[in-house]
């Protein structure tokens, strides 16, 4: 029984040691890659990011088109659900 526990402890230590060595190598490899691979520079925006309150996206025609599309989508879903229940 003692020999079996000794082997189990030895196997546990070897496994844990292998995992620790692997993690250390992974940290070293990532540190090296961080230094070798340059980080991308953020691109400066040439246009100001100010929203125009008078945008064309809120015209009545656009709102009507969006409402019609939503209505059509919901009607299609209802029809599909009714077919599945039948």
PDB file of N, CA and C in Angstrom:
ATOM      1  N   UNK A   1       0.827  -1.192   0.000  1.00  0.00           N
ATOM      2  CA  UNK A   1       0.000   0.000   0.000  1.00  0.00           C
ATOM      3  C   UNK A   1       0.867   1.250   0.000  1.00  0.00           C
ATOM      4  N   UNK A   2       1.925   1.239   0.785  1.00  0.00           N
ATOM      5  CA  UNK A   2       2.822   2.379   0.870  1.00  0.00           C
ATOM      6  C   UNK A   2       3.531   2.626  -0.453  1.00  0.00           C
ATOM      7  N   UNK A   3       3.839   1.525  -1.146  1.00  0.00           N
ATOM      8  CA  UNK A   3       4.516   1.662  -2.445  1.00  0.00           C
ATOM      9  C   UNK A   3       3.588   2.317  -3.462  1.00  0.00           C
ATOM     10  N   UNK A   4       2.311   1.970  -3.395  1.00  0.00           N
ATOM     11  CA  UNK A   4       1.322   2.548  -4.311  1.00  0.00           C
ATOM     12  C   UNK A   4       1.160   4.045  -4.055  1.00  0.00           C
ATOM     13  N   UNK A   5       1.118   4.452  -2.785  1.00  0.00           N
ATOM     14  CA  UNK A   5       1.013   5.882  -2.470  1.00  0.00           C
ATOM     15  C   UNK A   5       2.271   6.619  -2.891  1.00  0.00           C
ATOM     16  N   UNK A   6       3.407   5.980  -2.756  1.00  0.00           N
ATOM     17  CA  UNK A   6       4.670   6.595  -3.164  1.00  0.00           C
ATOM     18  C   UNK A   6       4.683   6.834  -4.674  1.00  0.00           C
ATOM     19  N   UNK A   7       4.215   5.863  -5.439  1.00  0.00           N
ATOM     20  CA  UNK A   7       4.163   6.017  -6.894  1.00  0.00           C
ATOM     21  C   UNK A   7       3.154   7.101  -7.294  1.00  0.00           C
ATOM     22  N   UNK A   8       2.030   7.152  -6.592  1.00  0.00           N
ATOM     23  CA  UNK A   8       1.022   8.168  -6.899  1.00  0.00           C
ATOM     24  C   UNK A   8       1.564   9.563  -6.632  1.00  0.00           C
ATOM     25  N   UNK A   9       2.269   9.721  -5.497  1.00  0.00           N
ATOM     26  CA  UNK A   9       2.854  11.023  -5.174  1.00  0.00           C
ATOM     27  C   UNK A   9       3.915  11.408  -6.194  1.00  0.00           C
ATOM     28  N   UNK A  10       4.710  10.434  -6.611  1.00  0.00           N
ATOM     29  CA  UNK A  10       5.756  10.705  -7.603  1.00  0.00           C
ATOM     30  C   UNK A  10       5.125  11.121  -8.938  1.00  0.00           C
ATOM     31  N   UNK A  11       4.077  10.409  -9.353  1.00  0.00           N
ATOM     32  CA  UNK A  11       3.395  10.745 -10.597  1.00  0.00           C
ATOM     33  C   UNK A  11       2.761  12.132 -10.519  1.00  0.00           C
ATOM     34  N   UNK A  12       2.181  12.464  -9.372  1.00  0.00           N
ATOM     35  CA  UNK A  12       1.577  13.785  -9.179  1.00  0.00           C
ATOM     36  C   UNK A  12       2.627  14.879  -9.281  1.00  0.00           C
ATOM     37  N   UNK A  13       3.768  14.682  -8.664  1.00  0.00           N
ATOM     38  CA  UNK A  13       4.832  15.687  -8.704  1.00  0.00           C
ATOM     39  C   UNK A  13       5.387  15.855 -10.109  1.00  0.00           C
ATOM     40  N   UNK A  14       5.536  14.761 -10.831  1.00  0.00           N
ATOM     41  CA  UNK A  14       6.032  14.854 -12.210  1.00  0.00           C
ATOM     42  C   UNK A  14       5.014  15.599 -13.076  1.00  0.00           C
ATOM     43  N   UNK A  15       3.734  15.287 -12.915  1.00  0.00           N
ATOM     44  CA  UNK A  15       2.693  15.967 -13.704  1.00  0.00           C
ATOM     45  C   UNK A  15       2.610  17.442 -13.391  1.00  0.00           C
ATOM     46  N   UNK A  16       2.631  17.783 -12.113  1.00  0.00           N
ATOM     47  CA  UNK A  16       2.572  19.197 -11.727  1.00  0.00           C
ATOM     48  C   UNK A  16       3.818  19.941 -12.183  1.00  0.00           C
ATOM     49  N   UNK A  17       4.954  19.293 -12.103  1.00  0.00           N
ATOM     50  CA  UNK A  17       6.194  19.913 -12.580  1.00  0.00           C
ATOM     51  C   UNK A  17       6.149  20.189 -14.070  1.00  0.00           C
ATOM     52  N   UNK A  18       5.592  19.232 -14.836  1.00  0.00           N
ATOM     53  CA  UNK A  18       5.486  19.417 -16.286  1.00  0.00           C
ATOM     54  C   UNK A  18       4.561  20.595 -16.601  1.00  0.00           C
ATOM     55  N   UNK A  19       3.466  20.709 -15.873  1.00  0.00           N
ATOM     56  CA  UNK A  19       2.534  21.820 -16.117  1.00  0.00           C
ATOM     57  C   UNK A  19       3.187  23.154 -15.768  1.00  0.00           C
ATOM     58  N   UNK A  20       3.897  23.218 -14.662  1.00  0.00           N
ATOM     59  CA  UNK A  20       4.561  24.470 -14.267  1.00  0.00           C
ATOM     60  C   UNK A  20       5.616  24.866 -15.286  1.00  0.00           C
ATOM     61  N   UNK A  21       6.393  23.884 -15.764  1.00  0.00           N
ATOM     62  CA  UNK A  21       7.422  24.186 -16.777  1.00  0.00           C
ATOM     63  C   UNK A  21       6.766  24.689 -18.058  1.00  0.00           C
ATOM     64  N   UNK A  22       5.680  24.037 -18.474  1.00  0.00           N
ATOM     65  CA  UNK A  22       4.985  24.479 -19.683  1.00  0.00           C
ATOM     66  C   UNK A  22       4.459  25.902 -19.538  1.00  0.00           C
ATOM     67  N   UNK A  23       3.858  26.213 -18.401  1.00  0.00           N
ATOM     68  CA  UNK A  23       3.318  27.561 -18.200  1.00  0.00           C
ATOM     69  C   UNK A  23       4.423  28.611 -18.175  1.00  0.00           C
ATOM     70  N   UNK A  24       5.552  28.274 -17.571  1.00  0.00           N
ATOM     71  CA  UNK A  24       6.683  29.213 -17.562  1.00  0.00           C
ATOM     72  C   UNK A  24       7.194  29.459 -18.973  1.00  0.00           C
ATOM     73  N   UNK A  25       7.311  28.381 -19.776  1.00  0.00           N
ATOM     74  CA  UNK A  25       7.743  28.547 -21.164  1.00  0.00           C
ATOM     75  C   UNK A  25       6.728  29.374 -21.960  1.00  0.00           C
ATOM     76  N   UNK A  26       5.465  29.187 -21.675  1.00  0.00           N
ATOM     77  CA  UNK A  26       4.431  29.961 -22.353  1.00  0.00           C
ATOM     78  C   UNK A  26       4.542  31.443 -22.023  1.00  0.00           C
ATOM     79  N   UNK A  27       4.800  31.762 -20.765  1.00  0.00           N
ATOM     80  CA  UNK A  27       4.956  33.165 -20.358  1.00  0.00           C
ATOM     81  C   UNK A  27       6.182  33.773 -21.033  1.00  0.00           C
ATOM     82  N   UNK A  28       7.263  33.033 -21.083  1.00  0.00           N
ATOM     83  CA  UNK A  28       8.485  33.535 -21.730  1.00  0.00           C
ATOM     84  C   UNK A  28       8.243  33.748 -23.219  1.00  0.00           C
ATOM     85  N   UNK A  29       7.581  32.787 -23.869  1.00  0.00           N
ATOM     86  CA  UNK A  29       7.321  32.915 -25.305  1.00  0.00           C
ATOM     87  C   UNK A  29       6.426  34.119 -25.593  1.00  0.00           C
ATOM     88  N   UNK A  30       5.428  34.348 -24.765  1.00  0.00           N
ATOM     89  CA  UNK A  30       4.546  35.488 -24.992  1.00  0.00           C
ATOM     90  C   UNK A  30       5.272  36.811 -24.750  1.00  0.00           C
ATOM     91  N   UNK A  31       6.169  36.835 -23.783  1.00  0.00           N
ATOM     92  CA  UNK A  31       6.947  38.054 -23.542  1.00  0.00           C
ATOM     93  C   UNK A  31       7.855  38.358 -24.728  1.00  0.00           C
ATOM     94  N   UNK A  32       8.467  37.327 -25.284  1.00  0.00           N
ATOM     95  CA  UNK A  32       9.333  37.524 -26.451  1.00  0.00           C
ATOM     96  C   UNK A  32       8.508  38.002 -27.641  1.00  0.00           C
ATOM     97  N   UNK A  33       7.349  37.392 -27.856  1.00  0.00           N
ATOM     98  CA  UNK A  33       6.507  37.798 -28.979  1.00  0.00           C
ATOM     99  C   UNK A  33       6.012  39.229 -28.810  1.00  0.00           C
ATOM    100  N   UNK A  34       5.760  39.629 -27.572  1.00  0.00           N
ATOM    101  CA  UNK A  34       5.297  40.993 -27.329  1.00  0.00           C
ATOM    102  C   UNK A  34       6.362  42.003 -27.732  1.00  0.00           C
ATOM    103  N   UNK A  35       7.603  41.649 -27.512  1.00  0.00           N
ATOM    104  CA  UNK A  35       8.682  42.577 -27.883  1.00  0.00           C
ATOM    105  C   UNK A  35       8.990  42.539 -29.374  1.00  0.00           C
ATOM    106  N   UNK A  36       8.798  41.394 -30.016  1.00  0.00           N
ATOM    107  CA  UNK A  36       9.138  41.267 -31.428  1.00  0.00           C
ATOM    108  C   UNK A  36       8.048  41.792 -32.357  1.00  0.00           C
ATOM    109  N   UNK A  37       6.795  41.593 -31.980  1.00  0.00           N
ATOM    110  CA  UNK A  37       5.685  41.991 -32.836  1.00  0.00           C
ATOM    111  C   UNK A  37       5.253  43.402 -32.458  1.00  0.00           C
ATOM    112  N   UNK A  38       5.324  44.330 -33.403  1.00  0.00           N
ATOM    113  CA  UNK A  38       4.946  45.714 -33.072  1.00  0.00           C
ATOM    114  C   UNK A  38       3.430  45.837 -32.885  1.00  0.00           C
ATOM    115  N   UNK A  39       3.040  46.713 -31.987  1.00  0.00           N
ATOM    116  CA  UNK A  39       1.618  46.966 -31.786  1.00  0.00           C
ATOM    117  C   UNK A  39       1.146  47.964 -32.836  1.00  0.00           C
ATOM    118  N   UNK A  40      -0.052  47.756 -33.392  1.00  0.00           N
ATOM    119  CA  UNK A  40      -0.538  48.681 -34.423  1.00  0.00           C
ATOM    120  C   UNK A  40      -0.873  50.041 -33.822  1.00  0.00           C
ATOM    121  N   UNK A  41      -0.532  51.051 -34.562  1.00  0.00           N
ATOM    122  CA  UNK A  41      -0.828  52.424 -34.146  1.00  0.00           C
ATOM    123  C   UNK A  41      -2.290  52.739 -34.467  1.00  0.00           C
ATOM    124  N   UNK A  42      -3.001  53.405 -33.595  1.00  0.00           N
ATOM    125  CA  UNK A  42      -4.385  53.777 -33.924  1.00  0.00           C
ATOM    126  C   UNK A  42      -4.405  54.815 -35.043  1.00  0.00           C
ATOM    127  N   UNK A  43      -5.340  54.613 -35.953  1.00  0.00           N
ATOM    128  CA  UNK A  43      -5.465  55.519 -37.089  1.00  0.00           C
ATOM    129  C   UNK A  43      -6.258  56.744 -36.660  1.00  0.00           C
ATOM    130  N   UNK A  44      -5.695  57.916 -36.944  1.00  0.00           N
ATOM    131  CA  UNK A  44      -6.375  59.161 -36.586  1.00  0.00           C
ATOM    132  C   UNK A  44      -7.538  59.388 -37.536  1.00  0.00           C
ATOM    133  N   UNK A  45      -8.654  59.767 -36.993  1.00  0.00           N
ATOM    134  CA  UNK A  45      -9.830  60.017 -37.811  1.00  0.00           C
ATOM    135  C   UNK A  45      -9.701  61.380 -38.479  1.00  0.00           C
ATOM    136  N   UNK A  46      -9.978  61.417 -39.781  1.00  0.00           N
ATOM    137  CA  UNK A  46      -9.873  62.678 -40.515  1.00  0.00           C
ATOM    138  C   UNK A  46     -11.187  63.453 -40.470  1.00  0.00           C
ATOM    139  N   UNK A  47     -12.285  62.748 -40.175  1.00  0.00           N
ATOM    140  CA  UNK A  47     -13.572  63.418 -40.123  1.00  0.00           C
ATOM    141  C   UNK A  47     -13.988  63.601 -38.671  1.00  0.00           C
ATOM    142  N   UNK A  48     -14.577  64.717 -38.370  1.00  0.00           N
ATOM    143  CA  UNK A  48     -15.063  64.902 -36.997  1.00  0.00           C
ATOM    144  C   UNK A  48     -16.229  63.955 -36.731  1.00  0.00           C
ATOM    145  N   UNK A  49     -16.332  63.490 -35.517  1.00  0.00           N
ATOM    146  CA  UNK A  49     -17.391  62.542 -35.174  1.00  0.00           C
ATOM    147  C   UNK A  49     -18.585  63.252 -34.539  1.00  0.00           C
ATOM    148  N   UNK A  50     -19.027  64.315 -35.180  1.00  0.00           N
ATOM    149  CA  UNK A  50     -20.171  65.085 -34.692  1.00  0.00           C
ATOM    150  C   UNK A  50     -21.395  64.655 -35.495  1.00  0.00           C
ATOM    151  N   UNK A  51     -22.458  64.289 -34.803  1.00  0.00           N
ATOM    152  CA  UNK A  51     -23.674  63.883 -35.490  1.00  0.00           C
ATOM    153  C   UNK A  51     -24.460  65.107 -35.936  1.00  0.00           C
ATOM    154  N   UNK A  52     -25.037  64.992 -37.081  1.00  0.00           N
ATOM    155  CA  UNK A  52     -25.886  66.048 -37.613  1.00  0.00           C
ATOM    156  C   UNK A  52     -27.319  65.761 -37.184  1.00  0.00           C
ATOM    157  N   UNK A  53     -27.931  66.679 -36.498  1.00  0.00           N
ATOM    158  CA  UNK A  53     -29.292  66.472 -36.010  1.00  0.00           C
ATOM    159  C   UNK A  53     -30.319  66.478 -37.131  1.00  0.00           C
ATOM    160  N   UNK A  54     -29.965  67.012 -38.272  1.00  0.00           N
ATOM    161  CA  UNK A  54     -30.880  67.083 -39.400  1.00  0.00           C
ATOM    162  C   UNK A  54     -30.579  65.983 -40.400  1.00  0.00           C
ATOM    163  N   UNK A  55     -30.296  64.798 -39.939  1.00  0.00           N
ATOM    164  CA  UNK A  55     -29.927  63.716 -40.852  1.00  0.00           C
ATOM    165  C   UNK A  55     -31.145  63.242 -41.635  1.00  0.00           C
ATOM    166  N   UNK A  56     -30.894  62.644 -42.778  1.00  0.00           N
ATOM    167  CA  UNK A  56     -31.969  62.169 -43.640  1.00  0.00           C
ATOM    168  C   UNK A  56     -32.523  60.833 -43.171  1.00  0.00           C
ATOM    169  N   UNK A  57     -31.911  60.211 -42.175  1.00  0.00           N
ATOM    170  CA  UNK A  57     -32.337  58.888 -41.728  1.00  0.00           C
ATOM    171  C   UNK A  57     -33.664  58.935 -40.982  1.00  0.00           C
ATOM    172  N   UNK A  58     -34.117  60.088 -40.579  1.00  0.00           N
ATOM    173  CA  UNK A  58     -35.338  60.187 -39.795  1.00  0.00           C
ATOM    174  C   UNK A  58     -36.490  60.788 -40.585  1.00  0.00           C
ATOM    175  N   UNK A  59     -36.441  60.710 -41.869  1.00  0.00           N
ATOM    176  CA  UNK A  59     -37.533  61.248 -42.674  1.00  0.00           C
ATOM    177  C   UNK A  59     -38.733  60.324 -42.563  1.00  0.00           C
ATOM    178  N   UNK A  60     -39.919  60.848 -42.793  1.00  0.00           N
ATOM    179  CA  UNK A  60     -41.121  60.010 -42.703  1.00  0.00           C
ATOM    180  C   UNK A  60     -41.100  58.817 -43.663  1.00  0.00           C
ATOM    181  N   UNK A  61     -40.517  59.000 -44.827  1.00  0.00           N
ATOM    182  CA  UNK A  61     -40.466  57.895 -45.793  1.00  0.00           C
ATOM    183  C   UNK A  61     -39.601  56.747 -45.259  1.00  0.00           C
ATOM    184  N   UNK A  62     -38.486  57.082 -44.635  1.00  0.00           N
ATOM    185  CA  UNK A  62     -37.611  56.051 -44.084  1.00  0.00           C
ATOM    186  C   UNK A  62     -38.297  55.356 -42.914  1.00  0.00           C
ATOM    187  N   UNK A  63     -38.952  56.123 -42.064  1.00  0.00           N
ATOM    188  CA  UNK A  63     -39.666  55.527 -40.941  1.00  0.00           C
ATOM    189  C   UNK A  63     -40.795  54.618 -41.417  1.00  0.00           C
ATOM    190  N   UNK A  64     -41.476  55.008 -42.473  1.00  0.00           N
ATOM    191  CA  UNK A  64     -42.546  54.176 -43.015  1.00  0.00           C
ATOM    192  C   UNK A  64     -41.981  52.882 -43.599  1.00  0.00           C
ATOM    193  N   UNK A  65     -40.856  52.978 -44.263  1.00  0.00           N
ATOM    194  CA  UNK A  65     -40.230  51.787 -44.842  1.00  0.00           C
ATOM    195  C   UNK A  65     -39.772  50.830 -43.744  1.00  0.00           C
ATOM    196  N   UNK A  66     -39.225  51.355 -42.683  1.00  0.00           N
ATOM    197  CA  UNK A  66     -38.784  50.516 -41.569  1.00  0.00           C
ATOM    198  C   UNK A  66     -39.984  49.852 -40.903  1.00  0.00           C
ATOM    199  N   UNK A  67     -41.038  50.606 -40.702  1.00  0.00           N
ATOM    200  CA  UNK A  67     -42.250  50.051 -40.088  1.00  0.00           C
ATOM    201  C   UNK A  67     -42.845  48.949 -40.958  1.00  0.00           C
ATOM    202  N   UNK A  68     -42.877  49.158 -42.260  1.00  0.00           N
ATOM    203  CA  UNK A  68     -43.413  48.146 -43.169  1.00  0.00           C
ATOM    204  C   UNK A  68     -42.548  46.883 -43.144  1.00  0.00           C
ATOM    205  N   UNK A  69     -41.237  47.042 -43.086  1.00  0.00           N
ATOM    206  CA  UNK A  69     -40.344  45.885 -43.047  1.00  0.00           C
ATOM    207  C   UNK A  69     -40.527  45.099 -41.760  1.00  0.00           C
ATOM    208  N   UNK A  70     -40.664  45.781 -40.641  1.00  0.00           N
ATOM    209  CA  UNK A  70     -40.880  45.101 -39.359  1.00  0.00           C
ATOM    210  C   UNK A  70     -42.218  44.378 -39.377  1.00  0.00           C
ATOM    211  N   UNK A  71     -43.237  45.031 -39.881  1.00  0.00           N
ATOM    212  CA  UNK A  71     -44.562  44.416 -39.951  1.00  0.00           C
ATOM    213  C   UNK A  71     -44.517  43.156 -40.828  1.00  0.00           C
ATOM    214  N   UNK A  72     -43.883  43.254 -41.977  1.00  0.00           N
ATOM    215  CA  UNK A  72     -43.773  42.114 -42.888  1.00  0.00           C
ATOM    216  C   UNK A  72     -42.995  40.968 -42.239  1.00  0.00           C
ATOM    217  N   UNK A  73     -41.945  41.278 -41.532  1.00  0.00           N
ATOM    218  CA  UNK A  73     -41.149  40.253 -40.850  1.00  0.00           C
ATOM    219  C   UNK A  73     -41.972  39.543 -39.786  1.00  0.00           C
ATOM    220  N   UNK A  74     -42.709  40.317 -39.008  1.00  0.00           N
ATOM    221  CA  UNK A  74     -43.524  39.726 -37.947  1.00  0.00           C
ATOM    222  C   UNK A  74     -44.651  38.861 -38.525  1.00  0.00           C
ATOM    223  N   UNK A  75     -45.240  39.283 -39.621  1.00  0.00           N
ATOM    224  CA  UNK A  75     -46.284  38.481 -40.251  1.00  0.00           C
ATOM    225  C   UNK A  75     -45.707  37.170 -40.778  1.00  0.00           C
ATOM    226  N   UNK A  76     -44.507  37.209 -41.331  1.00  0.00           N
ATOM    227  CA  UNK A  76     -43.850  35.990 -41.809  1.00  0.00           C
ATOM    228  C   UNK A  76     -43.539  35.036 -40.665  1.00  0.00           C
ATOM    229  N   UNK A  77     -43.128  35.563 -39.531  1.00  0.00           N
ATOM    230  CA  UNK A  77     -42.846  34.734 -38.359  1.00  0.00           C
ATOM    231  C   UNK A  77     -44.125  34.086 -37.847  1.00  0.00           C
ATOM    232  N   UNK A  78     -45.239  34.851 -37.829  1.00  0.00           N
ATOM    233  CA  UNK A  78     -46.514  34.295 -37.367  1.00  0.00           C
ATOM    234  C   UNK A  78     -46.942  33.153 -38.268  1.00  0.00           C
ATOM    235  N   UNK A  79     -46.805  33.331 -39.578  1.00  0.00           N
ATOM    236  CA  UNK A  79     -47.202  32.295 -40.526  1.00  0.00           C
ATOM    237  C   UNK A  79     -46.335  31.046 -40.347  1.00  0.00           C
ATOM    238  N   UNK A  80     -45.046  31.226 -40.113  1.00  0.00           N
ATOM    239  CA  UNK A  80     -44.139  30.090 -39.921  1.00  0.00           C
ATOM    240  C   UNK A  80     -44.471  29.352 -38.632  1.00  0.00           C
ATOM    241  N   UNK A  81     -44.791  30.086 -37.585  1.00  0.00           N
ATOM    242  CA  UNK A  81     -45.149  29.461 -36.307  1.00  0.00           C
ATOM    243  C   UNK A  81     -46.464  28.700 -36.429  1.00  0.00           C
ATOM    244  N   UNK A  82     -47.426  29.249 -37.180  1.00  0.00           N
ATOM    245  CA  UNK A  82     -48.702  28.563 -37.347  1.00  0.00           C
ATOM    246  C   UNK A  82     -48.539  27.268 -38.135  1.00  0.00           C
ATOM    247  N   UNK A  83     -47.650  27.238 -39.137  1.00  0.00           N
ATOM    248  CA  UNK A  83     -47.393  26.023 -39.906  1.00  0.00           C
ATOM    249  C   UNK A  83     -46.753  24.956 -39.032  1.00  0.00           C
ATOM    250  N   UNK A  84     -45.849  25.368 -38.144  1.00  0.00           N
ATOM    251  CA  UNK A  84     -45.170  24.405 -37.269  1.00  0.00           C
ATOM    252  C   UNK A  84     -46.156  23.785 -36.287  1.00  0.00           C
ATOM    253  N   UNK A  85     -47.116  24.554 -35.802  1.00  0.00           N
ATOM    254  CA  UNK A  85     -48.087  24.051 -34.833  1.00  0.00           C
ATOM    255  C   UNK A  85     -49.103  23.119 -35.477  1.00  0.00           C
ATOM    256  N   UNK A  86     -49.318  23.247 -36.796  1.00  0.00           N
ATOM    257  CA  UNK A  86     -50.321  22.424 -37.483  1.00  0.00           C
ATOM    258  C   UNK A  86     -49.849  21.009 -37.669  1.00  0.00           C
TER     259      UNK A  86
END
